[in-house]
Amino acid sequence: MNRNFALALCFASASIGTAFADDITIDPTPFVSTASRAQVMAELKAFQASGVNPWADDYNQLAQVHSTKTRAEVTAAYLASRNEVAALDAEDSGSAYLTRVAARRDHSTELAVMERAQGE
């Protein structure tokens, strides 16, 4: 066993080549801008005037976000969906829950068809 492992290790190390750093590759096609210098400078001035730097360490991504729901509405929605989320995150990835939901939906469809048939 050890001899086979050593032989495999020898072949593996022999097949691994050595990589050397090479010179940089220079692209022969020159860069052609689609915007004029004046347009770029105007964009830069507008960016600086906005006072917001998304690359800054203290940038707050949520500063401009405002919710349309109240805290109570969000809490109620969370509590209403808590059982569904727990079922979908279960060991069976929610298969049993989705089967129950589909069965209820099919049953309610059957009832609606029966009611329509009785009304005609």
PDB file of N, CA and C in Angstrom:
ATOM      1  N   MET A   1       0.825  -1.192   0.000  1.00  0.00           N
ATOM      2  CA  MET A   1       0.000   0.000   0.000  1.00  0.00           C
ATOM      3  C   MET A   1       0.866   1.251   0.000  1.00  0.00           C
ATOM      4  N   ASN A   2       1.883   1.268   0.871  1.00  0.00           N
ATOM      5  CA  ASN A   2       2.744   2.436   0.956  1.00  0.00           C
ATOM      6  C   ASN A   2       3.535   2.635  -0.336  1.00  0.00           C
ATOM      7  N   ARG A   3       3.943   1.497  -0.958  1.00  0.00           N
ATOM      8  CA  ARG A   3       4.711   1.603  -2.185  1.00  0.00           C
ATOM      9  C   ARG A   3       3.828   2.184  -3.296  1.00  0.00           C
ATOM     10  N   ASN A   4       2.558   1.754  -3.363  1.00  0.00           N
ATOM     11  CA  ASN A   4       1.649   2.288  -4.381  1.00  0.00           C
ATOM     12  C   ASN A   4       1.397   3.780  -4.156  1.00  0.00           C
ATOM     13  N   PHE A   5       1.242   4.163  -2.914  1.00  0.00           N
ATOM     14  CA  PHE A   5       1.032   5.568  -2.596  1.00  0.00           C
ATOM     15  C   PHE A   5       2.259   6.401  -2.977  1.00  0.00           C
ATOM     16  N   ALA A   6       3.447   5.890  -2.665  1.00  0.00           N
ATOM     17  CA  ALA A   6       4.675   6.608  -3.001  1.00  0.00           C
ATOM     18  C   ALA A   6       4.832   6.730  -4.513  1.00  0.00           C
ATOM     19  N   LEU A   7       4.488   5.678  -5.243  1.00  0.00           N
ATOM     20  CA  LEU A   7       4.583   5.703  -6.700  1.00  0.00           C
ATOM     21  C   LEU A   7       3.597   6.719  -7.276  1.00  0.00           C
ATOM     22  N   ALA A   8       2.373   6.730  -6.753  1.00  0.00           N
ATOM     23  CA  ALA A   8       1.378   7.694  -7.219  1.00  0.00           C
ATOM     24  C   ALA A   8       1.818   9.120  -6.905  1.00  0.00           C
ATOM     25  N   LEU A   9       2.438   9.311  -5.763  1.00  0.00           N
ATOM     26  CA  LEU A   9       2.930  10.632  -5.377  1.00  0.00           C
ATOM     27  C   LEU A   9       4.039  11.081  -6.305  1.00  0.00           C
ATOM     28  N   CYS A  10       4.910  10.166  -6.701  1.00  0.00           N
ATOM     29  CA  CYS A  10       5.992  10.502  -7.640  1.00  0.00           C
ATOM     30  C   CYS A  10       5.431  10.935  -8.982  1.00  0.00           C
ATOM     31  N   PHE A  11       4.458  10.187  -9.491  1.00  0.00           N
ATOM     32  CA  PHE A  11       3.873  10.538 -10.776  1.00  0.00           C
ATOM     33  C   PHE A  11       3.129  11.867 -10.691  1.00  0.00           C
ATOM     34  N   ALA A  12       2.455  12.095  -9.585  1.00  0.00           N
ATOM     35  CA  ALA A  12       1.718  13.347  -9.423  1.00  0.00           C
ATOM     36  C   ALA A  12       2.662  14.533  -9.358  1.00  0.00           C
ATOM     37  N   SER A  13       3.761  14.392  -8.622  1.00  0.00           N
ATOM     38  CA  SER A  13       4.698  15.509  -8.509  1.00  0.00           C
ATOM     39  C   SER A  13       5.443  15.738  -9.814  1.00  0.00           C
ATOM     40  N   ALA A  14       5.659  14.681 -10.601  1.00  0.00           N
ATOM     41  CA  ALA A  14       6.345  14.837 -11.883  1.00  0.00           C
ATOM     42  C   ALA A  14       5.441  15.520 -12.902  1.00  0.00           C
ATOM     43  N   SER A  15       4.121  15.287 -12.777  1.00  0.00           N
ATOM     44  CA  SER A  15       3.213  15.873 -13.756  1.00  0.00           C
ATOM     45  C   SER A  15       2.878  17.332 -13.449  1.00  0.00           C
ATOM     46  N   ILE A  16       3.145  17.778 -12.223  1.00  0.00           N
ATOM     47  CA  ILE A  16       2.874  19.165 -11.857  1.00  0.00           C
ATOM     48  C   ILE A  16       4.032  20.016 -12.343  1.00  0.00           C
ATOM     49  N   GLY A  17       3.723  20.945 -13.210  1.00  0.00           N
ATOM     50  CA  GLY A  17       4.768  21.823 -13.746  1.00  0.00           C
ATOM     51  C   GLY A  17       4.973  23.024 -12.866  1.00  0.00           C
ATOM     52  N   THR A  18       6.028  23.724 -13.133  1.00  0.00           N
ATOM     53  CA  THR A  18       6.328  24.932 -12.378  1.00  0.00           C
ATOM     54  C   THR A  18       5.851  26.125 -13.183  1.00  0.00           C
ATOM     55  N   ALA A  19       5.149  27.026 -12.542  1.00  0.00           N
ATOM     56  CA  ALA A  19       4.644  28.214 -13.220  1.00  0.00           C
ATOM     57  C   ALA A  19       5.527  29.396 -12.878  1.00  0.00           C
ATOM     58  N   PHE A  20       5.891  30.130 -13.905  1.00  0.00           N
ATOM     59  CA  PHE A  20       6.702  31.321 -13.723  1.00  0.00           C
ATOM     60  C   PHE A  20       5.892  32.545 -14.126  1.00  0.00           C
ATOM     61  N   ALA A  21       6.157  33.648 -13.481  1.00  0.00           N
ATOM     62  CA  ALA A  21       5.499  34.887 -13.847  1.00  0.00           C
ATOM     63  C   ALA A  21       6.034  35.348 -15.192  1.00  0.00           C
ATOM     64  N   ASP A  22       5.192  35.941 -15.975  1.00  0.00           N
ATOM     65  CA  ASP A  22       5.577  36.387 -17.303  1.00  0.00           C
ATOM     66  C   ASP A  22       5.408  37.895 -17.374  1.00  0.00           C
ATOM     67  N   ASP A  23       5.844  38.458 -18.462  1.00  0.00           N
ATOM     68  CA  ASP A  23       5.667  39.887 -18.665  1.00  0.00           C
ATOM     69  C   ASP A  23       4.185  40.201 -18.819  1.00  0.00           C
ATOM     70  N   ILE A  24       3.843  41.472 -18.596  1.00  0.00           N
ATOM     71  CA  ILE A  24       2.458  41.878 -18.767  1.00  0.00           C
ATOM     72  C   ILE A  24       2.097  41.824 -20.243  1.00  0.00           C
ATOM     73  N   THR A  25       0.849  41.555 -20.511  1.00  0.00           N
ATOM     74  CA  THR A  25       0.384  41.536 -21.891  1.00  0.00           C
ATOM     75  C   THR A  25      -0.173  42.905 -22.210  1.00  0.00           C
ATOM     76  N   ILE A  26       0.323  43.503 -23.238  1.00  0.00           N
ATOM     77  CA  ILE A  26      -0.121  44.838 -23.631  1.00  0.00           C
ATOM     78  C   ILE A  26      -1.145  44.683 -24.739  1.00  0.00           C
ATOM     79  N   ASP A  27      -2.306  45.272 -24.524  1.00  0.00           N
ATOM     80  CA  ASP A  27      -3.376  45.202 -25.509  1.00  0.00           C
ATOM     81  C   ASP A  27      -3.056  46.170 -26.640  1.00  0.00           C
ATOM     82  N   PRO A  28      -2.956  45.688 -27.880  1.00  0.00           N
ATOM     83  CA  PRO A  28      -2.568  46.572 -28.987  1.00  0.00           C
ATOM     84  C   PRO A  28      -3.692  47.507 -29.426  1.00  0.00           C
ATOM     85  N   THR A  29      -4.973  47.211 -29.053  1.00  0.00           N
ATOM     86  CA  THR A  29      -6.063  48.089 -29.486  1.00  0.00           C
ATOM     87  C   THR A  29      -6.181  49.260 -28.525  1.00  0.00           C
ATOM     88  N   PRO A  30      -6.169  50.475 -29.040  1.00  0.00           N
ATOM     89  CA  PRO A  30      -6.249  51.641 -28.157  1.00  0.00           C
ATOM     90  C   PRO A  30      -7.668  51.798 -27.588  1.00  0.00           C
ATOM     91  N   PHE A  31      -7.748  52.390 -26.389  1.00  0.00           N
ATOM     92  CA  PHE A  31      -9.031  52.638 -25.735  1.00  0.00           C
ATOM     93  C   PHE A  31      -9.709  53.830 -26.395  1.00  0.00           C
ATOM     94  N   VAL A  32     -10.969  53.666 -26.731  1.00  0.00           N
ATOM     95  CA  VAL A  32     -11.746  54.753 -27.323  1.00  0.00           C
ATOM     96  C   VAL A  32     -12.936  55.013 -26.408  1.00  0.00           C
ATOM     97  N   SER A  33     -12.996  56.195 -25.835  1.00  0.00           N
ATOM     98  CA  SER A  33     -14.067  56.540 -24.910  1.00  0.00           C
ATOM     99  C   SER A  33     -15.348  56.860 -25.661  1.00  0.00           C
ATOM    100  N   THR A  34     -16.489  56.572 -25.020  1.00  0.00           N
ATOM    101  CA  THR A  34     -17.772  56.915 -25.618  1.00  0.00           C
ATOM    102  C   THR A  34     -18.297  58.244 -25.084  1.00  0.00           C
ATOM    103  N   ALA A  35     -17.599  58.811 -24.106  1.00  0.00           N
ATOM    104  CA  ALA A  35     -18.007  60.090 -23.527  1.00  0.00           C
ATOM    105  C   ALA A  35     -16.879  61.106 -23.722  1.00  0.00           C
ATOM    106  N   SER A  36     -17.275  62.341 -23.870  1.00  0.00           N
ATOM    107  CA  SER A  36     -16.263  63.394 -24.024  1.00  0.00           C
ATOM    108  C   SER A  36     -15.680  63.740 -22.652  1.00  0.00           C
ATOM    109  N   ARG A  37     -14.576  64.464 -22.661  1.00  0.00           N
ATOM    110  CA  ARG A  37     -13.950  64.869 -21.412  1.00  0.00           C
ATOM    111  C   ARG A  37     -14.891  65.751 -20.603  1.00  0.00           C
ATOM    112  N   ALA A  38     -15.631  66.609 -21.273  1.00  0.00           N
ATOM    113  CA  ALA A  38     -16.572  67.505 -20.594  1.00  0.00           C
ATOM    114  C   ALA A  38     -17.683  66.699 -19.903  1.00  0.00           C
ATOM    115  N   GLN A  39     -18.173  65.648 -20.562  1.00  0.00           N
ATOM    116  CA  GLN A  39     -19.212  64.820 -19.962  1.00  0.00           C
ATOM    117  C   GLN A  39     -18.690  64.105 -18.714  1.00  0.00           C
ATOM    118  N   VAL A  40     -17.469  63.592 -18.796  1.00  0.00           N
ATOM    119  CA  VAL A  40     -16.876  62.898 -17.655  1.00  0.00           C
ATOM    120  C   VAL A  40     -16.676  63.866 -16.499  1.00  0.00           C
ATOM    121  N   MET A  41     -16.198  65.040 -16.775  1.00  0.00           N
ATOM    122  CA  MET A  41     -15.981  66.041 -15.726  1.00  0.00           C
ATOM    123  C   MET A  41     -17.316  66.464 -15.103  1.00  0.00           C
ATOM    124  N   ALA A  42     -18.374  66.583 -15.920  1.00  0.00           N
ATOM    125  CA  ALA A  42     -19.691  66.951 -15.387  1.00  0.00           C
ATOM    126  C   ALA A  42     -20.207  65.851 -14.462  1.00  0.00           C
ATOM    127  N   GLU A  43     -20.013  64.576 -14.844  1.00  0.00           N
ATOM    128  CA  GLU A  43     -20.426  63.462 -13.990  1.00  0.00           C
ATOM    129  C   GLU A  43     -19.650  63.469 -12.676  1.00  0.00           C
ATOM    130  N   LEU A  44     -18.352  63.758 -12.742  1.00  0.00           N
ATOM    131  CA  LEU A  44     -17.525  63.815 -11.540  1.00  0.00           C
ATOM    132  C   LEU A  44     -17.994  64.925 -10.614  1.00  0.00           C
ATOM    133  N   LYS A  45     -18.282  66.090 -11.151  1.00  0.00           N
ATOM    134  CA  LYS A  45     -18.753  67.217 -10.336  1.00  0.00           C
ATOM    135  C   LYS A  45     -20.105  66.881  -9.686  1.00  0.00           C
ATOM    136  N   ALA A  46     -21.012  66.231 -10.443  1.00  0.00           N
ATOM    137  CA  ALA A  46     -22.313  65.856  -9.885  1.00  0.00           C
ATOM    138  C   ALA A  46     -22.138  64.838  -8.762  1.00  0.00           C
ATOM    139  N   PHE A  47     -21.216  63.898  -8.938  1.00  0.00           N
ATOM    140  CA  PHE A  47     -20.951  62.898  -7.904  1.00  0.00           C
ATOM    141  C   PHE A  47     -20.409  63.566  -6.645  1.00  0.00           C
ATOM    142  N   GLN A  48     -19.465  64.470  -6.812  1.00  0.00           N
ATOM    143  CA  GLN A  48     -18.883  65.151  -5.653  1.00  0.00           C
ATOM    144  C   GLN A  48     -19.905  66.043  -4.962  1.00  0.00           C
ATOM    145  N   ALA A  49     -20.809  66.654  -5.733  1.00  0.00           N
ATOM    146  CA  ALA A  49     -21.813  67.543  -5.150  1.00  0.00           C
ATOM    147  C   ALA A  49     -22.882  66.763  -4.390  1.00  0.00           C
ATOM    148  N   SER A  50     -23.097  65.507  -4.750  1.00  0.00           N
ATOM    149  CA  SER A  50     -24.140  64.716  -4.082  1.00  0.00           C
ATOM    150  C   SER A  50     -23.782  64.432  -2.626  1.00  0.00           C
ATOM    151  N   GLY A  51     -22.489  64.407  -2.303  1.00  0.00           N
ATOM    152  CA  GLY A  51     -22.066  64.166  -0.930  1.00  0.00           C
ATOM    153  C   GLY A  51     -22.174  62.726  -0.486  1.00  0.00           C
ATOM    154  N   VAL A  52     -22.493  61.826  -1.395  1.00  0.00           N
ATOM    155  CA  VAL A  52     -22.634  60.409  -1.074  1.00  0.00           C
ATOM    156  C   VAL A  52     -21.520  59.650  -1.785  1.00  0.00           C
ATOM    157  N   ASN A  53     -20.760  58.896  -1.009  1.00  0.00           N
ATOM    158  CA  ASN A  53     -19.682  58.100  -1.577  1.00  0.00           C
ATOM    159  C   ASN A  53     -19.931  56.633  -1.255  1.00  0.00           C
ATOM    160  N   PRO A  54     -20.396  55.844  -2.236  1.00  0.00           N
ATOM    161  CA  PRO A  54     -20.698  54.438  -1.943  1.00  0.00           C
ATOM    162  C   PRO A  54     -19.460  53.610  -1.626  1.00  0.00           C
ATOM    163  N   TRP A  55     -18.274  54.132  -1.846  1.00  0.00           N
ATOM    164  CA  TRP A  55     -17.046  53.407  -1.537  1.00  0.00           C
ATOM    165  C   TRP A  55     -16.472  53.782  -0.175  1.00  0.00           C
ATOM    166  N   ALA A  56     -17.147  54.681   0.530  1.00  0.00           N
ATOM    167  CA  ALA A  56     -16.672  55.101   1.840  1.00  0.00           C
ATOM    168  C   ALA A  56     -16.988  54.021   2.881  1.00  0.00           C
ATOM    169  N   ASP A  57     -16.172  53.961   3.920  1.00  0.00           N
ATOM    170  CA  ASP A  57     -16.377  52.977   4.982  1.00  0.00           C
ATOM    171  C   ASP A  57     -17.669  53.227   5.756  1.00  0.00           C
ATOM    172  N   ASP A  58     -18.079  54.480   5.866  1.00  0.00           N
ATOM    173  CA  ASP A  58     -19.271  54.797   6.644  1.00  0.00           C
ATOM    174  C   ASP A  58     -20.515  54.983   5.771  1.00  0.00           C
ATOM    175  N   TYR A  59     -20.491  54.459   4.545  1.00  0.00           N
ATOM    176  CA  TYR A  59     -21.628  54.589   3.638  1.00  0.00           C
ATOM    177  C   TYR A  59     -22.812  53.791   4.178  1.00  0.00           C
ATOM    178  N   ASN A  60     -23.966  54.423   4.273  1.00  0.00           N
ATOM    179  CA  ASN A  60     -25.179  53.786   4.780  1.00  0.00           C
ATOM    180  C   ASN A  60     -26.086  53.474   3.599  1.00  0.00           C
ATOM    181  N   GLN A  61     -26.168  52.204   3.227  1.00  0.00           N
ATOM    182  CA  GLN A  61     -26.957  51.806   2.062  1.00  0.00           C
ATOM    183  C   GLN A  61     -28.450  52.015   2.287  1.00  0.00           C
ATOM    184  N   LEU A  62     -28.877  51.989   3.522  1.00  0.00           N
ATOM    185  CA  LEU A  62     -30.305  52.074   3.812  1.00  0.00           C
ATOM    186  C   LEU A  62     -30.762  53.480   4.176  1.00  0.00           C
ATOM    187  N   ALA A  63     -29.916  54.472   3.968  1.00  0.00           N
ATOM    188  CA  ALA A  63     -30.270  55.832   4.365  1.00  0.00           C
ATOM    189  C   ALA A  63     -31.474  56.354   3.590  1.00  0.00           C
ATOM    190  N   GLN A  64     -31.623  55.981   2.331  1.00  0.00           N
ATOM    191  CA  GLN A  64     -32.702  56.499   1.499  1.00  0.00           C
ATOM    192  C   GLN A  64     -33.916  55.569   1.461  1.00  0.00           C
ATOM    193  N   VAL A  65     -33.868  54.447   2.189  1.00  0.00           N
ATOM    194  CA  VAL A  65     -34.965  53.483   2.166  1.00  0.00           C
ATOM    195  C   VAL A  65     -35.982  53.844   3.235  1.00  0.00           C
ATOM    196  N   HIS A  66     -37.232  53.922   2.828  1.00  0.00           N
ATOM    197  CA  HIS A  66     -38.311  54.219   3.767  1.00  0.00           C
ATOM    198  C   HIS A  66     -39.432  53.215   3.533  1.00  0.00           C
ATOM    199  N   SER A  67     -39.868  52.554   4.567  1.00  0.00           N
ATOM    200  CA  SER A  67     -40.898  51.535   4.464  1.00  0.00           C
ATOM    201  C   SER A  67     -42.268  52.175   4.351  1.00  0.00           C
ATOM    202  N   THR A  68     -43.158  51.462   3.670  1.00  0.00           N
ATOM    203  CA  THR A  68     -44.532  51.939   3.560  1.00  0.00           C
ATOM    204  C   THR A  68     -45.433  51.255   4.584  1.00  0.00           C
ATOM    205  N   LYS A  69     -44.891  50.283   5.311  1.00  0.00           N
ATOM    206  CA  LYS A  69     -45.667  49.549   6.315  1.00  0.00           C
ATOM    207  C   LYS A  69     -45.254  49.979   7.718  1.00  0.00           C
ATOM    208  N   THR A  70     -46.186  49.835   8.634  1.00  0.00           N
ATOM    209  CA  THR A  70     -45.882  50.147  10.026  1.00  0.00           C
ATOM    210  C   THR A  70     -45.220  48.942  10.678  1.00  0.00           C
ATOM    211  N   ARG A  71     -44.654  49.148  11.846  1.00  0.00           N
ATOM    212  CA  ARG A  71     -44.014  48.061  12.577  1.00  0.00           C
ATOM    213  C   ARG A  71     -45.029  46.971  12.922  1.00  0.00           C
ATOM    214  N   ALA A  72     -46.235  47.366  13.269  1.00  0.00           N
ATOM    215  CA  ALA A  72     -47.278  46.401  13.617  1.00  0.00           C
ATOM    216  C   ALA A  72     -47.660  45.543  12.408  1.00  0.00           C
ATOM    217  N   GLU A  73     -47.731  46.161  11.221  1.00  0.00           N
ATOM    218  CA  GLU A  73     -48.064  45.403  10.013  1.00  0.00           C
ATOM    219  C   GLU A  73     -46.984  44.380   9.683  1.00  0.00           C
ATOM    220  N   VAL A  74     -45.732  44.775   9.827  1.00  0.00           N
ATOM    221  CA  VAL A  74     -44.623  43.863   9.554  1.00  0.00           C
ATOM    222  C   VAL A  74     -44.614  42.726  10.565  1.00  0.00           C
ATOM    223  N   THR A  75     -44.845  43.044  11.828  1.00  0.00           N
ATOM    224  CA  THR A  75     -44.895  42.010  12.864  1.00  0.00           C
ATOM    225  C   THR A  75     -46.025  41.029  12.594  1.00  0.00           C
ATOM    226  N   ALA A  76     -47.191  41.528  12.204  1.00  0.00           N
ATOM    227  CA  ALA A  76     -48.333  40.657  11.905  1.00  0.00           C
ATOM    228  C   ALA A  76     -48.034  39.763  10.707  1.00  0.00           C
ATOM    229  N   ALA A  77     -47.404  40.304   9.679  1.00  0.00           N
ATOM    230  CA  ALA A  77     -47.060  39.500   8.502  1.00  0.00           C
ATOM    231  C   ALA A  77     -46.045  38.428   8.863  1.00  0.00           C
ATOM    232  N   TYR A  78     -45.096  38.767   9.717  1.00  0.00           N
ATOM    233  CA  TYR A  78     -44.104  37.777  10.154  1.00  0.00           C
ATOM    234  C   TYR A  78     -44.775  36.651  10.938  1.00  0.00           C
ATOM    235  N   LEU A  79     -45.629  37.023  11.878  1.00  0.00           N
ATOM    236  CA  LEU A  79     -46.306  36.003  12.680  1.00  0.00           C
ATOM    237  C   LEU A  79     -47.208  35.123  11.819  1.00  0.00           C
ATOM    238  N   ALA A  80     -47.834  35.695  10.801  1.00  0.00           N
ATOM    239  CA  ALA A  80     -48.707  34.920   9.921  1.00  0.00           C
ATOM    240  C   ALA A  80     -47.913  33.936   9.068  1.00  0.00           C
ATOM    241  N   SER A  81     -46.717  34.308   8.673  1.00  0.00           N
ATOM    242  CA  SER A  81     -45.938  33.434   7.783  1.00  0.00           C
ATOM    243  C   SER A  81     -44.934  32.566   8.532  1.00  0.00           C
ATOM    244  N   ARG A  82     -44.875  32.678   9.855  1.00  0.00           N
ATOM    245  CA  ARG A  82     -43.878  31.947  10.630  1.00  0.00           C
ATOM    246  C   ARG A  82     -44.012  30.439  10.473  1.00  0.00           C
ATOM    247  N   ASN A  83     -45.227  29.907  10.504  1.00  0.00           N
ATOM    248  CA  ASN A  83     -45.422  28.467  10.362  1.00  0.00           C
ATOM    249  C   ASN A  83     -45.040  27.995   8.957  1.00  0.00           C
ATOM    250  N   GLU A  84     -45.387  28.800   7.952  1.00  0.00           N
ATOM    251  CA  GLU A  84     -45.027  28.433   6.576  1.00  0.00           C
ATOM    252  C   GLU A  84     -43.518  28.404   6.396  1.00  0.00           C
ATOM    253  N   VAL A  85     -42.825  29.396   6.910  1.00  0.00           N
ATOM    254  CA  VAL A  85     -41.365  29.442   6.797  1.00  0.00           C
ATOM    255  C   VAL A  85     -40.729  28.272   7.535  1.00  0.00           C
ATOM    256  N   ALA A  86     -41.226  27.964   8.717  1.00  0.00           N
ATOM    257  CA  ALA A  86     -40.698  26.829   9.472  1.00  0.00           C
ATOM    258  C   ALA A  86     -40.920  25.529   8.709  1.00  0.00           C
ATOM    259  N   ALA A  87     -42.075  25.390   8.053  1.00  0.00           N
ATOM    260  CA  ALA A  87     -42.363  24.179   7.285  1.00  0.00           C
ATOM    261  C   ALA A  87     -41.465  24.084   6.057  1.00  0.00           C
ATOM    262  N   LEU A  88     -41.228  25.202   5.387  1.00  0.00           N
ATOM    263  CA  LEU A  88     -40.382  25.181   4.189  1.00  0.00           C
ATOM    264  C   LEU A  88     -38.915  24.968   4.529  1.00  0.00           C
ATOM    265  N   ASP A  89     -38.517  25.317   5.738  1.00  0.00           N
ATOM    266  CA  ASP A  89     -37.134  25.108   6.167  1.00  0.00           C
ATOM    267  C   ASP A  89     -36.955  23.782   6.892  1.00  0.00           C
ATOM    268  N   ALA A  90     -37.976  22.958   6.918  1.00  0.00           N
ATOM    269  CA  ALA A  90     -37.916  21.685   7.637  1.00  0.00           C
ATOM    270  C   ALA A  90     -36.998  20.703   6.922  1.00  0.00           C
ATOM    271  N   GLU A  91     -36.831  19.550   7.526  1.00  0.00           N
ATOM    272  CA  GLU A  91     -35.916  18.532   7.013  1.00  0.00           C
ATOM    273  C   GLU A  91     -36.298  18.068   5.609  1.00  0.00           C
ATOM    274  N   ASP A  92     -37.593  18.047   5.301  1.00  0.00           N
ATOM    275  CA  ASP A  92     -38.038  17.589   3.979  1.00  0.00           C
ATOM    276  C   ASP A  92     -38.166  18.741   2.990  1.00  0.00           C
ATOM    277  N   SER A  93     -37.600  19.890   3.322  1.00  0.00           N
ATOM    278  CA  SER A  93     -37.634  21.093   2.471  1.00  0.00           C
ATOM    279  C   SER A  93     -39.053  21.540   2.160  1.00  0.00           C
ATOM    280  N   GLY A  94     -39.975  21.226   3.025  1.00  0.00           N
ATOM    281  CA  GLY A  94     -41.338  21.707   2.866  1.00  0.00           C
ATOM    282  C   GLY A  94     -42.224  20.827   2.010  1.00  0.00           C
ATOM    283  N   SER A  95     -41.769  19.633   1.637  1.00  0.00           N
ATOM    284  CA  SER A  95     -42.573  18.766   0.770  1.00  0.00           C
ATOM    285  C   SER A  95     -43.917  18.429   1.404  1.00  0.00           C
ATOM    286  N   ALA A  96     -43.928  18.056   2.664  1.00  0.00           N
ATOM    287  CA  ALA A  96     -45.180  17.695   3.331  1.00  0.00           C
ATOM    288  C   ALA A  96     -46.110  18.900   3.416  1.00  0.00           C
ATOM    289  N   TYR A  97     -45.574  20.064   3.722  1.00  0.00           N
ATOM    290  CA  TYR A  97     -46.389  21.284   3.811  1.00  0.00           C
ATOM    291  C   TYR A  97     -46.993  21.618   2.460  1.00  0.00           C
ATOM    292  N   LEU A  98     -46.193  21.572   1.402  1.00  0.00           N
ATOM    293  CA  LEU A  98     -46.689  21.903   0.074  1.00  0.00           C
ATOM    294  C   LEU A  98     -47.741  20.897  -0.388  1.00  0.00           C
ATOM    295  N   THR A  99     -47.604  19.637  -0.005  1.00  0.00           N
ATOM    296  CA  THR A  99     -48.611  18.631  -0.336  1.00  0.00           C
ATOM    297  C   THR A  99     -49.928  18.947   0.350  1.00  0.00           C
ATOM    298  N   ARG A 100     -49.852  19.337   1.640  1.00  0.00           N
ATOM    299  CA  ARG A 100     -51.076  19.700   2.363  1.00  0.00           C
ATOM    300  C   ARG A 100     -51.743  20.915   1.729  1.00  0.00           C
ATOM    301  N   VAL A 101     -50.955  21.914   1.352  1.00  0.00           N
ATOM    302  CA  VAL A 101     -51.507  23.128   0.742  1.00  0.00           C
ATOM    303  C   VAL A 101     -52.161  22.786  -0.589  1.00  0.00           C
ATOM    304  N   ALA A 102     -51.504  21.951  -1.403  1.00  0.00           N
ATOM    305  CA  ALA A 102     -52.070  21.559  -2.693  1.00  0.00           C
ATOM    306  C   ALA A 102     -53.357  20.770  -2.504  1.00  0.00           C
ATOM    307  N   ALA A 103     -53.401  19.907  -1.499  1.00  0.00           N
ATOM    308  CA  ALA A 103     -54.605  19.124  -1.239  1.00  0.00           C
ATOM    309  C   ALA A 103     -55.760  20.029  -0.835  1.00  0.00           C
ATOM    310  N   ARG A 104     -55.487  21.026   0.000  1.00  0.00           N
ATOM    311  CA  ARG A 104     -56.532  21.978   0.397  1.00  0.00           C
ATOM    312  C   ARG A 104     -57.031  22.767  -0.802  1.00  0.00           C
ATOM    313  N   ARG A 105     -56.102  23.197  -1.657  1.00  0.00           N
ATOM    314  CA  ARG A 105     -56.460  23.978  -2.838  1.00  0.00           C
ATOM    315  C   ARG A 105     -57.311  23.132  -3.791  1.00  0.00           C
ATOM    316  N   ASP A 106     -56.921  21.868  -4.015  1.00  0.00           N
ATOM    317  CA  ASP A 106     -57.683  20.984  -4.890  1.00  0.00           C
ATOM    318  C   ASP A 106     -59.063  20.720  -4.313  1.00  0.00           C
ATOM    319  N   HIS A 107     -59.135  20.539  -2.997  1.00  0.00           N
ATOM    320  CA  HIS A 107     -60.414  20.277  -2.336  1.00  0.00           C
ATOM    321  C   HIS A 107     -61.334  21.487  -2.469  1.00  0.00           C
ATOM    322  N   SER A 108     -60.784  22.689  -2.289  1.00  0.00           N
ATOM    323  CA  SER A 108     -61.622  23.881  -2.402  1.00  0.00           C
ATOM    324  C   SER A 108     -62.081  24.070  -3.839  1.00  0.00           C
ATOM    325  N   THR A 109     -61.275  23.703  -4.811  1.00  0.00           N
ATOM    326  CA  THR A 109     -61.672  23.793  -6.214  1.00  0.00           C
ATOM    327  C   THR A 109     -62.811  22.817  -6.499  1.00  0.00           C
ATOM    328  N   GLU A 110     -62.704  21.603  -5.956  1.00  0.00           N
ATOM    329  CA  GLU A 110     -63.773  20.608  -6.134  1.00  0.00           C
ATOM    330  C   GLU A 110     -65.076  21.107  -5.535  1.00  0.00           C
ATOM    331  N   LEU A 111     -65.001  21.745  -4.344  1.00  0.00           N
ATOM    332  CA  LEU A 111     -66.212  22.267  -3.711  1.00  0.00           C
ATOM    333  C   LEU A 111     -66.846  23.361  -4.560  1.00  0.00           C
ATOM    334  N   ALA A 112     -66.028  24.229  -5.123  1.00  0.00           N
ATOM    335  CA  ALA A 112     -66.563  25.309  -5.950  1.00  0.00           C
ATOM    336  C   ALA A 112     -67.230  24.743  -7.197  1.00  0.00           C
ATOM    337  N   VAL A 113     -66.654  23.715  -7.783  1.00  0.00           N
ATOM    338  CA  VAL A 113     -67.256  23.103  -8.978  1.00  0.00           C
ATOM    339  C   VAL A 113     -68.573  22.453  -8.611  1.00  0.00           C
ATOM    340  N   MET A 114     -68.628  21.777  -7.460  1.00  0.00           N
ATOM    341  CA  MET A 114     -69.874  21.135  -7.020  1.00  0.00           C
ATOM    342  C   MET A 114     -70.955  22.180  -6.737  1.00  0.00           C
ATOM    343  N   GLU A 115     -70.584  23.286  -6.126  1.00  0.00           N
ATOM    344  CA  GLU A 115     -71.557  24.335  -5.818  1.00  0.00           C
ATOM    345  C   GLU A 115     -72.117  24.951  -7.097  1.00  0.00           C
ATOM    346  N   ARG A 116     -71.210  25.166  -8.084  1.00  0.00           N
ATOM    347  CA  ARG A 116     -71.673  25.707  -9.354  1.00  0.00           C
ATOM    348  C   ARG A 116     -72.621  24.733 -10.060  1.00  0.00           C
ATOM    349  N   ALA A 117     -72.308  23.446  -9.975  1.00  0.00           N
ATOM    350  CA  ALA A 117     -73.142  22.439 -10.621  1.00  0.00           C
ATOM    351  C   ALA A 117     -74.516  22.366  -9.955  1.00  0.00           C
ATOM    352  N   GLN A 118     -74.561  22.541  -8.655  1.00  0.00           N
ATOM    353  CA  GLN A 118     -75.841  22.476  -7.948  1.00  0.00           C
ATOM    354  C   GLN A 118     -76.687  23.716  -8.230  1.00  0.00           C
ATOM    355  N   GLY A 119     -76.004  24.849  -8.461  1.00  0.00           N
ATOM    356  CA  GLY A 119     -76.735  26.093  -8.708  1.00  0.00           C
ATOM    357  C   GLY A 119     -77.339  26.138 -10.095  1.00  0.00           C
ATOM    358  N   GLU A 120     -76.838  25.362 -11.041  1.00  0.00           N
ATOM    359  CA  GLU A 120     -77.344  25.414 -12.410  1.00  0.00           C
ATOM    360  C   GLU A 120     -78.560  24.636 -12.612  1.00  0.00           C
TER     361      GLU A 120
END
